[in-house]
């Protein structure tokens, strides 16, 4: 059972690390991301925060997997 959980944690981390940076690049290019004067909009800021949270969770998943492997 432990190996299944370790695999799940690592799969979660890999998914987050691969998908969210690509999604951010798409959001940053979206016309809703900047206003007429080039400043970031709430659309970009909200997505940036959500993506940052997902990447922090990816790091936490890797750390939890490493701790589980070492025990």
Protein backbone atom coordinates (compact mmCIF):
# COMPACT_ATOMS: atom_id res chain seq x y z
CA UNK A 1 0.00 0.00 0.00
CA UNK A 2 2.84 2.40 0.78
CA UNK A 3 4.32 2.00 -2.68
CA UNK A 4 0.96 2.88 -4.24
CA UNK A 5 0.77 6.06 -2.17
CA UNK A 6 4.36 6.98 -3.07
CA UNK A 7 3.55 6.45 -6.74
CA UNK A 8 0.44 8.59 -6.43
CA UNK A 9 2.37 11.41 -4.76
CA UNK A 10 5.04 11.33 -7.46
CA UNK A 11 2.45 11.19 -10.24
CA UNK A 12 0.71 14.19 -8.71
CA UNK A 13 3.97 16.12 -8.56
CA UNK A 14 4.88 15.25 -12.14
CA UNK A 15 1.44 16.25 -13.42
CA UNK A 16 1.55 19.59 -11.63
CA UNK A 17 5.11 20.32 -12.74
CA UNK A 18 4.34 19.54 -16.37
CA UNK A 19 0.86 20.98 -16.85
CA UNK A 20 0.70 24.20 -14.87
CA UNK A 21 3.73 26.07 -16.28
CA UNK A 22 2.40 25.42 -19.79
CA UNK A 23 -1.03 26.65 -18.73
CA UNK A 24 0.53 29.82 -17.27
CA UNK A 25 2.20 30.62 -20.60
CA UNK A 26 -1.19 30.33 -22.30
CA UNK A 27 -2.89 32.51 -19.67
CA UNK A 28 -0.14 35.14 -19.93
CA UNK A 29 -0.69 35.40 -23.70
CA UNK A 30 -4.47 35.72 -23.31
CA UNK A 31 -5.78 39.21 -24.17
CA UNK A 32 -7.60 39.32 -20.81
CA UNK A 33 -4.27 39.07 -18.96
CA UNK A 34 -3.26 42.73 -19.54
CA UNK A 35 -5.19 45.95 -19.69
CA UNK A 36 -4.73 48.69 -22.30
CA UNK A 37 -1.69 50.12 -20.50
CA UNK A 38 0.00 46.71 -20.16
CA UNK A 39 -0.65 46.15 -16.46
CA UNK A 40 -1.66 42.71 -15.27
CA UNK A 41 -5.36 42.21 -14.64
CA UNK A 42 -7.15 40.24 -11.96
CA UNK A 43 -7.50 37.44 -14.54
CA UNK A 44 -3.71 37.00 -14.69
CA UNK A 45 -3.14 37.49 -10.97
CA UNK A 46 -5.77 34.95 -9.93
CA UNK A 47 -4.43 32.35 -12.33
CA UNK A 48 -0.86 33.03 -11.21
CA UNK A 49 -1.84 32.46 -7.56
CA UNK A 50 -3.68 29.24 -8.38
CA UNK A 51 -0.74 27.95 -10.41
CA UNK A 52 1.70 28.86 -7.64
CA UNK A 53 -0.42 26.91 -5.14
CA UNK A 54 -0.45 23.90 -7.47
CA UNK A 55 3.36 24.02 -7.77
CA UNK A 56 3.78 24.32 -4.00
CA UNK A 57 1.58 21.24 -3.63
CA UNK A 58 3.79 19.46 -6.17
CA UNK A 59 6.85 20.19 -4.05
CA UNK A 60 5.00 19.02 -0.93
CA UNK A 61 4.06 15.80 -2.74
CA UNK A 62 7.68 15.11 -3.66
CA UNK A 63 8.81 15.78 -0.09
CA UNK A 64 6.10 13.48 1.31
CA UNK A 65 7.09 10.76 -1.17
CA UNK A 66 10.76 11.04 -0.22
CA UNK A 67 9.88 10.85 3.49
CA UNK A 68 7.75 7.77 2.81
CA UNK A 69 10.56 6.13 0.83
CA UNK A 70 13.09 6.75 3.59
CA UNK A 71 10.93 5.16 6.29
